[in-house]
């Protein structure tokens, strides 16, 4: 059913996920789970599915895995964006696959503070 859909026919949930991705400031990130929690709907897998199908229209590199690893198959493109935006990274350890850095989620994670979406839940903390 979703195959061949145009962007005008995005499912409502997908639109909401992409709207959140658009709100994340340069140099900051949210995990798939953070986005689902912020929306109060779905979960990390649903957000990941939306991003894989429709995410190319938004700053996809700002919606990330909870372990801070770069998105497989898109590592170098994402890394270019992170370096350009000054997103905090952790140096790769010797055992790290491809010696790629990881995101420093402790410093890079954004909690939605200052978002201009009036439907966004307020409060809530991320550890």
PDB file of N, CA and C in Angstrom:
ATOM      1  N   UNK A   1       0.814  -1.190   0.000  1.00  0.00           N
ATOM      2  CA  UNK A   1       0.000   0.000   0.000  1.00  0.00           C
ATOM      3  C   UNK A   1       0.862   1.259   0.000  1.00  0.00           C
ATOM      4  N   UNK A   2       1.993   1.230   0.726  1.00  0.00           N
ATOM      5  CA  UNK A   2       2.822   2.422   0.821  1.00  0.00           C
ATOM      6  C   UNK A   2       3.716   2.596  -0.405  1.00  0.00           C
ATOM      7  N   UNK A   3       3.949   1.543  -1.144  1.00  0.00           N
ATOM      8  CA  UNK A   3       4.816   1.646  -2.312  1.00  0.00           C
ATOM      9  C   UNK A   3       4.217   2.621  -3.317  1.00  0.00           C
ATOM     10  N   UNK A   4       5.069   3.480  -3.850  1.00  0.00           N
ATOM     11  CA  UNK A   4       4.621   4.425  -4.852  1.00  0.00           C
ATOM     12  C   UNK A   4       3.914   5.646  -4.301  1.00  0.00           C
ATOM     13  N   UNK A   5       3.905   5.805  -2.989  1.00  0.00           N
ATOM     14  CA  UNK A   5       3.244   6.978  -2.402  1.00  0.00           C
ATOM     15  C   UNK A   5       4.066   8.225  -2.695  1.00  0.00           C
ATOM     16  N   UNK A   6       3.405   9.307  -2.964  1.00  0.00           N
ATOM     17  CA  UNK A   6       4.114  10.566  -3.132  1.00  0.00           C
ATOM     18  C   UNK A   6       4.244  11.224  -1.767  1.00  0.00           C
ATOM     19  N   UNK A   7       5.093  12.243  -1.668  1.00  0.00           N
ATOM     20  CA  UNK A   7       5.307  12.896  -0.376  1.00  0.00           C
ATOM     21  C   UNK A   7       4.039  13.585   0.113  1.00  0.00           C
ATOM     22  N   UNK A   8       3.127  13.927  -0.788  1.00  0.00           N
ATOM     23  CA  UNK A   8       1.875  14.557  -0.370  1.00  0.00           C
ATOM     24  C   UNK A   8       0.982  13.565   0.368  1.00  0.00           C
ATOM     25  N   UNK A   9       1.271  12.264   0.215  1.00  0.00           N
ATOM     26  CA  UNK A   9       0.430  11.239   0.813  1.00  0.00           C
ATOM     27  C   UNK A   9       1.097  10.570   2.011  1.00  0.00           C
ATOM     28  N   UNK A  10       1.985  11.274   2.680  1.00  0.00           N
ATOM     29  CA  UNK A  10       2.664  10.703   3.840  1.00  0.00           C
ATOM     30  C   UNK A  10       1.664  10.327   4.921  1.00  0.00           C
ATOM     31  N   UNK A  11       1.852   9.177   5.536  1.00  0.00           N
ATOM     32  CA  UNK A  11       1.012   8.856   6.683  1.00  0.00           C
ATOM     33  C   UNK A  11       1.217   9.910   7.776  1.00  0.00           C
ATOM     34  N   UNK A  12       0.179  10.155   8.565  1.00  0.00           N
ATOM     35  CA  UNK A  12       0.240  11.193   9.599  1.00  0.00           C
ATOM     36  C   UNK A  12       1.396  10.960  10.570  1.00  0.00           C
ATOM     37  N   UNK A  13       1.618   9.708  10.981  1.00  0.00           N
ATOM     38  CA  UNK A  13       2.706   9.433  11.915  1.00  0.00           C
ATOM     39  C   UNK A  13       4.054   9.790  11.292  1.00  0.00           C
ATOM     40  N   UNK A  14       4.230   9.449  10.021  1.00  0.00           N
ATOM     41  CA  UNK A  14       5.485   9.763   9.336  1.00  0.00           C
ATOM     42  C   UNK A  14       5.697  11.275   9.290  1.00  0.00           C
ATOM     43  N   UNK A  15       4.649  12.023   9.011  1.00  0.00           N
ATOM     44  CA  UNK A  15       4.758  13.489   8.999  1.00  0.00           C
ATOM     45  C   UNK A  15       5.205  14.014  10.344  1.00  0.00           C
ATOM     46  N   UNK A  16       4.646  13.456  11.415  1.00  0.00           N
ATOM     47  CA  UNK A  16       4.998  13.905  12.755  1.00  0.00           C
ATOM     48  C   UNK A  16       6.456  13.594  13.071  1.00  0.00           C
ATOM     49  N   UNK A  17       6.921  12.409  12.699  1.00  0.00           N
ATOM     50  CA  UNK A  17       8.318  12.034  12.925  1.00  0.00           C
ATOM     51  C   UNK A  17       9.237  12.983  12.160  1.00  0.00           C
ATOM     52  N   UNK A  18       8.927  13.236  10.900  1.00  0.00           N
ATOM     53  CA  UNK A  18       9.764  14.113  10.084  1.00  0.00           C
ATOM     54  C   UNK A  18       9.749  15.548  10.614  1.00  0.00           C
ATOM     55  N   UNK A  19       8.612  15.986  11.153  1.00  0.00           N
ATOM     56  CA  UNK A  19       8.533  17.318  11.760  1.00  0.00           C
ATOM     57  C   UNK A  19       9.485  17.431  12.943  1.00  0.00           C
ATOM     58  N   UNK A  20       9.552  16.376  13.761  1.00  0.00           N
ATOM     59  CA  UNK A  20      10.475  16.393  14.896  1.00  0.00           C
ATOM     60  C   UNK A  20      11.917  16.440  14.399  1.00  0.00           C
ATOM     61  N   UNK A  21      12.240  15.636  13.389  1.00  0.00           N
ATOM     62  CA  UNK A  21      13.604  15.636  12.843  1.00  0.00           C
ATOM     63  C   UNK A  21      13.989  17.038  12.369  1.00  0.00           C
ATOM     64  N   UNK A  22      13.032  17.748  11.787  1.00  0.00           N
ATOM     65  CA  UNK A  22      13.281  19.120  11.314  1.00  0.00           C
ATOM     66  C   UNK A  22      13.550  20.091  12.458  1.00  0.00           C
ATOM     67  N   UNK A  23      13.020  19.802  13.640  1.00  0.00           N
ATOM     68  CA  UNK A  23      13.184  20.695  14.788  1.00  0.00           C
ATOM     69  C   UNK A  23      14.539  20.564  15.477  1.00  0.00           C
ATOM     70  N   UNK A  24      15.207  19.436  15.310  1.00  0.00           N
ATOM     71  CA  UNK A  24      16.470  19.187  16.018  1.00  0.00           C
ATOM     72  C   UNK A  24      17.521  20.179  15.513  1.00  0.00           C
ATOM     73  N   UNK A  25      18.102  20.949  16.432  1.00  0.00           N
ATOM     74  CA  UNK A  25      19.075  21.962  16.012  1.00  0.00           C
ATOM     75  C   UNK A  25      20.368  21.350  15.467  1.00  0.00           C
ATOM     76  N   UNK A  26      21.065  22.071  14.601  1.00  0.00           N
ATOM     77  CA  UNK A  26      22.370  21.598  14.119  1.00  0.00           C
ATOM     78  C   UNK A  26      23.297  21.321  15.303  1.00  0.00           C
ATOM     79  N   UNK A  27      24.057  20.237  15.206  1.00  0.00           N
ATOM     80  CA  UNK A  27      24.987  19.880  16.257  1.00  0.00           C
ATOM     81  C   UNK A  27      24.366  19.078  17.385  1.00  0.00           C
ATOM     82  N   UNK A  28      23.072  18.795  17.298  1.00  0.00           N
ATOM     83  CA  UNK A  28      22.374  18.029  18.325  1.00  0.00           C
ATOM     84  C   UNK A  28      21.701  16.830  17.670  1.00  0.00           C
ATOM     85  N   UNK A  29      21.326  15.834  18.470  1.00  0.00           N
ATOM     86  CA  UNK A  29      20.682  14.624  17.965  1.00  0.00           C
ATOM     87  C   UNK A  29      19.597  14.162  18.927  1.00  0.00           C
ATOM     88  N   UNK A  30      18.684  13.346  18.418  1.00  0.00           N
ATOM     89  CA  UNK A  30      17.723  12.609  19.228  1.00  0.00           C
ATOM     90  C   UNK A  30      17.805  11.161  18.772  1.00  0.00           C
ATOM     91  N   UNK A  31      17.626  10.231  19.704  1.00  0.00           N
ATOM     92  CA  UNK A  31      17.593   8.824  19.320  1.00  0.00           C
ATOM     93  C   UNK A  31      16.207   8.511  18.752  1.00  0.00           C
ATOM     94  N   UNK A  32      16.116   7.371  18.092  1.00  0.00           N
ATOM     95  CA  UNK A  32      14.816   6.935  17.578  1.00  0.00           C
ATOM     96  C   UNK A  32      13.812   6.868  18.723  1.00  0.00           C
ATOM     97  N   UNK A  33      14.246   6.333  19.855  1.00  0.00           N
ATOM     98  CA  UNK A  33      13.373   6.235  21.022  1.00  0.00           C
ATOM     99  C   UNK A  33      12.978   7.595  21.577  1.00  0.00           C
ATOM    100  N   UNK A  34      13.920   8.555  21.553  1.00  0.00           N
ATOM    101  CA  UNK A  34      13.606   9.916  22.015  1.00  0.00           C
ATOM    102  C   UNK A  34      12.481  10.521  21.188  1.00  0.00           C
ATOM    103  N   UNK A  35      12.555  10.329  19.869  1.00  0.00           N
ATOM    104  CA  UNK A  35      11.535  10.888  18.978  1.00  0.00           C
ATOM    105  C   UNK A  35      10.175  10.264  19.293  1.00  0.00           C
ATOM    106  N   UNK A  36      10.143   8.941  19.449  1.00  0.00           N
ATOM    107  CA  UNK A  36       8.879   8.256  19.767  1.00  0.00           C
ATOM    108  C   UNK A  36       8.330   8.748  21.105  1.00  0.00           C
ATOM    109  N   UNK A  37       9.210   8.885  22.104  1.00  0.00           N
ATOM    110  CA  UNK A  37       8.780   9.357  23.417  1.00  0.00           C
ATOM    111  C   UNK A  37       8.256  10.795  23.329  1.00  0.00           C
ATOM    112  N   UNK A  38       8.930  11.624  22.577  1.00  0.00           N
ATOM    113  CA  UNK A  38       8.546  13.024  22.432  1.00  0.00           C
ATOM    114  C   UNK A  38       7.166  13.134  21.782  1.00  0.00           C
ATOM    115  N   UNK A  39       6.918  12.247  20.804  1.00  0.00           N
ATOM    116  CA  UNK A  39       5.613  12.239  20.134  1.00  0.00           C
ATOM    117  C   UNK A  39       4.540  11.564  20.984  1.00  0.00           C
ATOM    118  N   UNK A  40       4.967  10.725  21.922  1.00  0.00           N
ATOM    119  CA  UNK A  40       4.011   9.978  22.732  1.00  0.00           C
ATOM    120  C   UNK A  40       3.321   8.889  21.940  1.00  0.00           C
ATOM    121  N   UNK A  41       4.005   8.406  20.911  1.00  0.00           N
ATOM    122  CA  UNK A  41       3.397   7.412  20.016  1.00  0.00           C
ATOM    123  C   UNK A  41       4.489   6.602  19.341  1.00  0.00           C
ATOM    124  N   UNK A  42       4.231   5.318  19.133  1.00  0.00           N
ATOM    125  CA  UNK A  42       5.179   4.463  18.439  1.00  0.00           C
ATOM    126  C   UNK A  42       6.373   4.134  19.317  1.00  0.00           C
ATOM    127  N   UNK A  43       7.400   3.614  18.687  1.00  0.00           N
ATOM    128  CA  UNK A  43       8.620   3.246  19.390  1.00  0.00           C
ATOM    129  C   UNK A  43       9.806   3.424  18.466  1.00  0.00           C
ATOM    130  N   UNK A  44      10.990   3.050  18.950  1.00  0.00           N
ATOM    131  CA  UNK A  44      12.193   3.233  18.135  1.00  0.00           C
ATOM    132  C   UNK A  44      12.116   2.573  16.764  1.00  0.00           C
ATOM    133  N   UNK A  45      11.545   1.382  16.692  1.00  0.00           N
ATOM    134  CA  UNK A  45      11.474   0.698  15.394  1.00  0.00           C
ATOM    135  C   UNK A  45      10.561   1.439  14.410  1.00  0.00           C
ATOM    136  N   UNK A  46       9.449   1.960  14.916  1.00  0.00           N
ATOM    137  CA  UNK A  46       8.535   2.696  14.034  1.00  0.00           C
ATOM    138  C   UNK A  46       9.203   3.976  13.523  1.00  0.00           C
ATOM    139  N   UNK A  47       9.917   4.671  14.403  1.00  0.00           N
ATOM    140  CA  UNK A  47      10.624   5.887  13.999  1.00  0.00           C
ATOM    141  C   UNK A  47      11.709   5.528  12.988  1.00  0.00           C
ATOM    142  N   UNK A  48      12.442   4.459  13.242  1.00  0.00           N
ATOM    143  CA  UNK A  48      13.476   4.023  12.308  1.00  0.00           C
ATOM    144  C   UNK A  48      12.909   3.690  10.945  1.00  0.00           C
ATOM    145  N   UNK A  49      11.752   3.054  10.936  1.00  0.00           N
ATOM    146  CA  UNK A  49      11.095   2.712   9.663  1.00  0.00           C
ATOM    147  C   UNK A  49      10.725   3.973   8.894  1.00  0.00           C
ATOM    148  N   UNK A  50      10.138   4.938   9.589  1.00  0.00           N
ATOM    149  CA  UNK A  50       9.782   6.210   8.940  1.00  0.00           C
ATOM    150  C   UNK A  50      11.035   6.870   8.374  1.00  0.00           C
ATOM    151  N   UNK A  51      12.107   6.907   9.165  1.00  0.00           N
ATOM    152  CA  UNK A  51      13.329   7.560   8.707  1.00  0.00           C
ATOM    153  C   UNK A  51      13.927   6.841   7.504  1.00  0.00           C
ATOM    154  N   UNK A  52      13.843   5.497   7.484  1.00  0.00           N
ATOM    155  CA  UNK A  52      14.410   4.770   6.348  1.00  0.00           C
ATOM    156  C   UNK A  52      13.595   4.980   5.077  1.00  0.00           C
ATOM    157  N   UNK A  53      12.284   5.138   5.219  1.00  0.00           N
ATOM    158  CA  UNK A  53      11.431   5.318   4.041  1.00  0.00           C
ATOM    159  C   UNK A  53      11.362   6.761   3.554  1.00  0.00           C
ATOM    160  N   UNK A  54      11.309   7.714   4.499  1.00  0.00           N
ATOM    161  CA  UNK A  54      11.018   9.103   4.138  1.00  0.00           C
ATOM    162  C   UNK A  54      12.051  10.111   4.627  1.00  0.00           C
ATOM    163  N   UNK A  55      13.045   9.669   5.365  1.00  0.00           N
ATOM    164  CA  UNK A  55      13.951  10.581   6.046  1.00  0.00           C
ATOM    165  C   UNK A  55      14.870  11.417   5.185  1.00  0.00           C
ATOM    166  N   UNK A  56      15.006  11.082   3.908  1.00  0.00           N
ATOM    167  CA  UNK A  56      15.944  11.836   3.068  1.00  0.00           C
ATOM    168  C   UNK A  56      15.536  13.300   2.892  1.00  0.00           C
ATOM    169  N   UNK A  57      14.281  13.636   3.193  1.00  0.00           N
ATOM    170  CA  UNK A  57      13.794  15.003   3.023  1.00  0.00           C
ATOM    171  C   UNK A  57      14.104  15.897   4.237  1.00  0.00           C
ATOM    172  N   UNK A  58      14.652  15.311   5.297  1.00  0.00           N
ATOM    173  CA  UNK A  58      14.924  16.047   6.535  1.00  0.00           C
ATOM    174  C   UNK A  58      16.380  15.783   6.946  1.00  0.00           C
ATOM    175  N   UNK A  59      16.881  16.477   7.968  1.00  0.00           N
ATOM    176  CA  UNK A  59      18.245  16.197   8.447  1.00  0.00           C
ATOM    177  C   UNK A  59      18.310  14.843   9.165  1.00  0.00           C
ATOM    178  N   UNK A  60      18.302  13.773   8.386  1.00  0.00           N
ATOM    179  CA  UNK A  60      18.224  12.396   8.876  1.00  0.00           C
ATOM    180  C   UNK A  60      19.357  12.047   9.828  1.00  0.00           C
ATOM    181  N   UNK A  61      20.509  12.671   9.667  1.00  0.00           N
ATOM    182  CA  UNK A  61      21.679  12.347  10.493  1.00  0.00           C
ATOM    183  C   UNK A  61      21.501  12.794  11.950  1.00  0.00           C
ATOM    184  N   UNK A  62      20.453  13.576  12.224  1.00  0.00           N
ATOM    185  CA  UNK A  62      20.201  14.035  13.594  1.00  0.00           C
ATOM    186  C   UNK A  62      19.283  13.088  14.374  1.00  0.00           C
ATOM    187  N   UNK A  63      18.767  12.041  13.720  1.00  0.00           N
ATOM    188  CA  UNK A  63      17.966  11.009  14.401  1.00  0.00           C
ATOM    189  C   UNK A  63      18.828   9.753  14.370  1.00  0.00           C
ATOM    190  N   UNK A  64      19.222   9.279  15.566  1.00  0.00           N
ATOM    191  CA  UNK A  64      20.322   8.325  15.654  1.00  0.00           C
ATOM    192  C   UNK A  64      19.994   7.107  16.504  1.00  0.00           C
ATOM    193  N   UNK A  65      20.889   6.149  16.457  1.00  0.00           N
ATOM    194  CA  UNK A  65      20.808   4.940  17.278  1.00  0.00           C
ATOM    195  C   UNK A  65      21.146   5.286  18.720  1.00  0.00           C
ATOM    196  N   UNK A  66      20.548   4.570  19.640  1.00  0.00           N
ATOM    197  CA  UNK A  66      20.751   4.831  21.071  1.00  0.00           C
ATOM    198  C   UNK A  66      22.172   4.513  21.537  1.00  0.00           C
ATOM    199  N   UNK A  67      22.912   3.697  20.768  1.00  0.00           N
ATOM    200  CA  UNK A  67      24.271   3.356  21.184  1.00  0.00           C
ATOM    201  C   UNK A  67      25.307   4.342  20.642  1.00  0.00           C
ATOM    202  N   UNK A  68      24.861   5.331  19.860  1.00  0.00           N
ATOM    203  CA  UNK A  68      25.775   6.344  19.337  1.00  0.00           C
ATOM    204  C   UNK A  68      26.544   5.924  18.104  1.00  0.00           C
ATOM    205  N   UNK A  69      26.353   4.673  17.657  1.00  0.00           N
ATOM    206  CA  UNK A  69      27.047   4.241  16.437  1.00  0.00           C
ATOM    207  C   UNK A  69      26.416   4.914  15.229  1.00  0.00           C
ATOM    208  N   UNK A  70      27.243   5.204  14.235  1.00  0.00           N
ATOM    209  CA  UNK A  70      26.762   5.850  13.021  1.00  0.00           C
ATOM    210  C   UNK A  70      25.938   4.865  12.199  1.00  0.00           C
ATOM    211  N   UNK A  71      24.967   5.388  11.474  1.00  0.00           N
ATOM    212  CA  UNK A  71      24.035   4.574  10.711  1.00  0.00           C
ATOM    213  C   UNK A  71      24.770   3.747   9.658  1.00  0.00           C
ATOM    214  N   UNK A  72      24.671   2.406   9.736  1.00  0.00           N
ATOM    215  CA  UNK A  72      25.375   1.544   8.782  1.00  0.00           C
ATOM    216  C   UNK A  72      25.023   1.889   7.339  1.00  0.00           C
ATOM    217  N   UNK A  73      26.055   2.007   6.533  1.00  0.00           N
ATOM    218  CA  UNK A  73      25.868   2.340   5.127  1.00  0.00           C
ATOM    219  C   UNK A  73      25.850   3.832   4.850  1.00  0.00           C
ATOM    220  N   UNK A  74      25.724   4.631   5.901  1.00  0.00           N
ATOM    221  CA  UNK A  74      25.673   6.085   5.739  1.00  0.00           C
ATOM    222  C   UNK A  74      26.685   6.783   6.643  1.00  0.00           C
ATOM    223  N   UNK A  75      27.642   6.013   7.164  1.00  0.00           N
ATOM    224  CA  UNK A  75      28.576   6.538   8.157  1.00  0.00           C
ATOM    225  C   UNK A  75      29.328   7.775   7.674  1.00  0.00           C
ATOM    226  N   UNK A  76      29.895   7.704   6.481  1.00  0.00           N
ATOM    227  CA  UNK A  76      30.741   8.809   6.031  1.00  0.00           C
ATOM    228  C   UNK A  76      29.934  10.065   5.720  1.00  0.00           C
ATOM    229  N   UNK A  77      28.762   9.881   5.119  1.00  0.00           N
ATOM    230  CA  UNK A  77      27.900  11.048   4.869  1.00  0.00           C
ATOM    231  C   UNK A  77      27.481  11.684   6.176  1.00  0.00           C
ATOM    232  N   UNK A  78      27.078  10.851   7.147  1.00  0.00           N
ATOM    233  CA  UNK A  78      26.671  11.370   8.453  1.00  0.00           C
ATOM    234  C   UNK A  78      27.842  12.070   9.135  1.00  0.00           C
ATOM    235  N   UNK A  79      29.013  11.461   9.089  1.00  0.00           N
ATOM    236  CA  UNK A  79      30.196  12.027   9.732  1.00  0.00           C
ATOM    237  C   UNK A  79      30.519  13.408   9.156  1.00  0.00           C
ATOM    238  N   UNK A  80      30.375  13.574   7.852  1.00  0.00           N
ATOM    239  CA  UNK A  80      30.586  14.896   7.239  1.00  0.00           C
ATOM    240  C   UNK A  80      29.626  15.922   7.838  1.00  0.00           C
ATOM    241  N   UNK A  81      28.351  15.535   7.978  1.00  0.00           N
ATOM    242  CA  UNK A  81      27.362  16.445   8.567  1.00  0.00           C
ATOM    243  C   UNK A  81      27.728  16.775  10.017  1.00  0.00           C
ATOM    244  N   UNK A  82      28.100  15.745  10.800  1.00  0.00           N
ATOM    245  CA  UNK A  82      28.421  15.967  12.216  1.00  0.00           C
ATOM    246  C   UNK A  82      29.606  16.916  12.355  1.00  0.00           C
ATOM    247  N   UNK A  83      30.613  16.721  11.529  1.00  0.00           N
ATOM    248  CA  UNK A  83      31.802  17.585  11.616  1.00  0.00           C
ATOM    249  C   UNK A  83      31.465  19.010  11.194  1.00  0.00           C
ATOM    250  N   UNK A  84      30.656  19.167  10.157  1.00  0.00           N
ATOM    251  CA  UNK A  84      30.251  20.495   9.700  1.00  0.00           C
ATOM    252  C   UNK A  84      29.438  21.218  10.766  1.00  0.00           C
ATOM    253  N   UNK A  85      28.555  20.482  11.454  1.00  0.00           N
ATOM    254  CA  UNK A  85      27.667  21.085  12.445  1.00  0.00           C
ATOM    255  C   UNK A  85      28.286  21.159  13.840  1.00  0.00           C
ATOM    256  N   UNK A  86      29.456  20.545  14.031  1.00  0.00           N
ATOM    257  CA  UNK A  86      30.092  20.554  15.340  1.00  0.00           C
ATOM    258  C   UNK A  86      29.421  19.632  16.350  1.00  0.00           C
ATOM    259  N   UNK A  87      28.796  18.561  15.869  1.00  0.00           N
ATOM    260  CA  UNK A  87      28.150  17.595  16.755  1.00  0.00           C
ATOM    261  C   UNK A  87      29.224  16.889  17.576  1.00  0.00           C
ATOM    262  N   UNK A  88      29.059  16.807  18.912  1.00  0.00           N
ATOM    263  CA  UNK A  88      30.061  16.132  19.746  1.00  0.00           C
ATOM    264  C   UNK A  88      30.221  14.653  19.385  1.00  0.00           C
ATOM    265  N   UNK A  89      31.467  14.254  19.172  1.00  0.00           N
ATOM    266  CA  UNK A  89      31.801  12.870  18.831  1.00  0.00           C
ATOM    267  C   UNK A  89      32.785  12.325  19.854  1.00  0.00           C
ATOM    268  N   UNK A  90      32.791  11.010  20.000  1.00  0.00           N
ATOM    269  CA  UNK A  90      33.786  10.325  20.828  1.00  0.00           C
ATOM    270  C   UNK A  90      34.754   9.619  19.900  1.00  0.00           C
ATOM    271  N   UNK A  91      36.024   9.692  20.208  1.00  0.00           N
ATOM    272  CA  UNK A  91      37.023   9.007  19.395  1.00  0.00           C
ATOM    273  C   UNK A  91      36.750   7.521  19.364  1.00  0.00           C
ATOM    274  N   UNK A  92      37.048   6.927  18.232  1.00  0.00           N
ATOM    275  CA  UNK A  92      36.859   5.484  18.078  1.00  0.00           C
ATOM    276  C   UNK A  92      37.943   4.745  18.838  1.00  0.00           C
ATOM    277  N   UNK A  93      37.555   3.691  19.503  1.00  0.00           N
ATOM    278  CA  UNK A  93      38.542   2.823  20.147  1.00  0.00           C
ATOM    279  C   UNK A  93      39.185   1.933  19.108  1.00  0.00           C
ATOM    280  N   UNK A  94      40.265   1.288  19.485  1.00  0.00           N
ATOM    281  CA  UNK A  94      40.967   0.406  18.544  1.00  0.00           C
ATOM    282  C   UNK A  94      40.074  -0.698  18.011  1.00  0.00           C
ATOM    283  N   UNK A  95      39.144  -1.163  18.835  1.00  0.00           N
ATOM    284  CA  UNK A  95      38.275  -2.269  18.429  1.00  0.00           C
ATOM    285  C   UNK A  95      37.068  -1.797  17.614  1.00  0.00           C
ATOM    286  N   UNK A  96      36.886  -0.485  17.509  1.00  0.00           N
ATOM    287  CA  UNK A  96      35.719   0.041  16.800  1.00  0.00           C
ATOM    288  C   UNK A  96      35.782  -0.334  15.324  1.00  0.00           C
ATOM    289  N   UNK A  97      34.638  -0.772  14.824  1.00  0.00           N
ATOM    290  CA  UNK A  97      34.556  -1.181  13.430  1.00  0.00           C
ATOM    291  C   UNK A  97      34.882  -0.006  12.516  1.00  0.00           C
ATOM    292  N   UNK A  98      35.894  -0.174  11.669  1.00  0.00           N
ATOM    293  CA  UNK A  98      36.282   0.876  10.739  1.00  0.00           C
ATOM    294  C   UNK A  98      36.909   2.076  11.420  1.00  0.00           C
ATOM    295  N   UNK A  99      37.144   1.983  12.707  1.00  0.00           N
ATOM    296  CA  UNK A  99      37.727   3.075  13.497  1.00  0.00           C
ATOM    297  C   UNK A  99      36.933   4.365  13.363  1.00  0.00           C
ATOM    298  N   UNK A 100      35.629   4.237  13.210  1.00  0.00           N
ATOM    299  CA  UNK A 100      34.774   5.414  13.119  1.00  0.00           C
ATOM    300  C   UNK A 100      34.413   5.906  14.515  1.00  0.00           C
ATOM    301  N   UNK A 101      34.350   7.223  14.683  1.00  0.00           N
ATOM    302  CA  UNK A 101      33.919   7.721  15.992  1.00  0.00           C
ATOM    303  C   UNK A 101      32.446   7.411  16.216  1.00  0.00           C
ATOM    304  N   UNK A 102      32.023   7.555  17.457  1.00  0.00           N
ATOM    305  CA  UNK A 102      30.609   7.445  17.806  1.00  0.00           C
ATOM    306  C   UNK A 102      30.142   8.824  18.231  1.00  0.00           C
ATOM    307  N   UNK A 103      28.844   9.000  18.216  1.00  0.00           N
ATOM    308  CA  UNK A 103      28.288  10.232  18.745  1.00  0.00           C
ATOM    309  C   UNK A 103      28.480  10.256  20.252  1.00  0.00           C
ATOM    310  N   UNK A 104      28.771  11.418  20.792  1.00  0.00           N
ATOM    311  CA  UNK A 104      28.835  11.585  22.238  1.00  0.00           C
ATOM    312  C   UNK A 104      27.436  11.986  22.684  1.00  0.00           C
ATOM    313  N   UNK A 105      26.597  10.980  22.934  1.00  0.00           N
ATOM    314  CA  UNK A 105      25.187  11.247  23.239  1.00  0.00           C
ATOM    315  C   UNK A 105      25.008  12.064  24.509  1.00  0.00           C
ATOM    316  N   UNK A 106      25.925  11.911  25.448  1.00  0.00           N
ATOM    317  CA  UNK A 106      25.817  12.679  26.691  1.00  0.00           C
ATOM    318  C   UNK A 106      25.838  14.187  26.395  1.00  0.00           C
ATOM    319  N   UNK A 107      26.628  14.587  25.410  1.00  0.00           N
ATOM    320  CA  UNK A 107      26.739  16.007  25.074  1.00  0.00           C
ATOM    321  C   UNK A 107      25.876  16.420  23.878  1.00  0.00           C
ATOM    322  N   UNK A 108      25.594  15.487  22.969  1.00  0.00           N
ATOM    323  CA  UNK A 108      24.896  15.838  21.727  1.00  0.00           C
ATOM    324  C   UNK A 108      23.380  15.718  21.812  1.00  0.00           C
ATOM    325  N   UNK A 109      22.893  14.949  22.779  1.00  0.00           N
ATOM    326  CA  UNK A 109      21.462  14.645  22.833  1.00  0.00           C
ATOM    327  C   UNK A 109      20.638  15.891  23.125  1.00  0.00           C
ATOM    328  N   UNK A 110      19.568  16.040  22.364  1.00  0.00           N
ATOM    329  CA  UNK A 110      18.659  17.181  22.511  1.00  0.00           C
ATOM    330  C   UNK A 110      17.344  16.676  23.081  1.00  0.00           C
ATOM    331  N   UNK A 111      16.804  17.397  24.064  1.00  0.00           N
ATOM    332  CA  UNK A 111      15.580  16.938  24.723  1.00  0.00           C
ATOM    333  C   UNK A 111      14.328  17.658  24.250  1.00  0.00           C
ATOM    334  N   UNK A 112      14.453  18.445  23.197  1.00  0.00           N
ATOM    335  CA  UNK A 112      13.285  19.146  22.673  1.00  0.00           C
ATOM    336  C   UNK A 112      13.082  20.507  23.301  1.00  0.00           C
ATOM    337  N   UNK A 113      13.941  20.894  24.228  1.00  0.00           N
ATOM    338  CA  UNK A 113      13.825  22.194  24.875  1.00  0.00           C
ATOM    339  C   UNK A 113      13.913  23.303  23.833  1.00  0.00           C
ATOM    340  N   UNK A 114      12.966  24.208  23.920  1.00  0.00           N
ATOM    341  CA  UNK A 114      12.962  25.336  22.985  1.00  0.00           C
ATOM    342  C   UNK A 114      12.250  25.036  21.685  1.00  0.00           C
ATOM    343  N   UNK A 115      11.726  23.830  21.546  1.00  0.00           N
ATOM    344  CA  UNK A 115      10.992  23.496  20.320  1.00  0.00           C
ATOM    345  C   UNK A 115       9.751  24.365  20.230  1.00  0.00           C
ATOM    346  N   UNK A 116       9.422  24.767  19.029  1.00  0.00           N
ATOM    347  CA  UNK A 116       8.290  25.666  18.833  1.00  0.00           C
ATOM    348  C   UNK A 116       6.994  24.941  18.520  1.00  0.00           C
ATOM    349  N   UNK A 117       6.987  23.629  18.660  1.00  0.00           N
ATOM    350  CA  UNK A 117       5.785  22.852  18.381  1.00  0.00           C
ATOM    351  C   UNK A 117       4.870  22.882  19.605  1.00  0.00           C
ATOM    352  N   UNK A 118       3.730  23.557  19.525  1.00  0.00           N
ATOM    353  CA  UNK A 118       2.849  23.666  20.689  1.00  0.00           C
ATOM    354  C   UNK A 118       2.271  22.328  21.131  1.00  0.00           C
ATOM    355  N   UNK A 119       2.295  21.325  20.259  1.00  0.00           N
ATOM    356  CA  UNK A 119       1.757  20.012  20.613  1.00  0.00           C
ATOM    357  C   UNK A 119       2.797  19.176  21.345  1.00  0.00           C
ATOM    358  N   UNK A 120       4.035  19.690  21.430  1.00  0.00           N
ATOM    359  CA  UNK A 120       5.107  18.919  22.055  1.00  0.00           C
ATOM    360  C   UNK A 120       4.879  18.818  23.563  1.00  0.00           C
ATOM    361  N   UNK A 121       5.101  17.634  24.117  1.00  0.00           N
ATOM    362  CA  UNK A 121       4.979  17.487  25.564  1.00  0.00           C
ATOM    363  C   UNK A 121       6.051  18.313  26.259  1.00  0.00           C
ATOM    364  N   UNK A 122       5.724  18.859  27.416  1.00  0.00           N
ATOM    365  CA  UNK A 122       6.726  19.613  28.149  1.00  0.00           C
ATOM    366  C   UNK A 122       7.224  18.763  29.298  1.00  0.00           C
ATOM    367  N   UNK A 123       8.356  19.163  29.830  1.00  0.00           N
ATOM    368  CA  UNK A 123       8.943  18.414  30.932  1.00  0.00           C
ATOM    369  C   UNK A 123       9.628  17.175  30.422  1.00  0.00           C
ATOM    370  N   UNK A 124       9.778  16.189  31.284  1.00  0.00           N
ATOM    371  CA  UNK A 124      10.446  14.959  30.887  1.00  0.00           C
ATOM    372  C   UNK A 124      11.950  15.141  30.830  1.00  0.00           C
ATOM    373  N   UNK A 125      12.660  14.152  31.293  1.00  0.00           N
ATOM    374  CA  UNK A 125      14.109  14.229  31.254  1.00  0.00           C
ATOM    375  C   UNK A 125      14.646  12.959  30.645  1.00  0.00           C
ATOM    376  N   UNK A 126      15.813  13.070  30.068  1.00  0.00           N
ATOM    377  CA  UNK A 126      16.484  11.904  29.484  1.00  0.00           C
ATOM    378  C   UNK A 126      17.765  11.675  30.242  1.00  0.00           C
ATOM    379  N   UNK A 127      18.049  10.437  30.525  1.00  0.00           N
ATOM    380  CA  UNK A 127      19.280  10.112  31.222  1.00  0.00           C
ATOM    381  C   UNK A 127      20.254   9.495  30.258  1.00  0.00           C
TER     382      UNK A 127
END
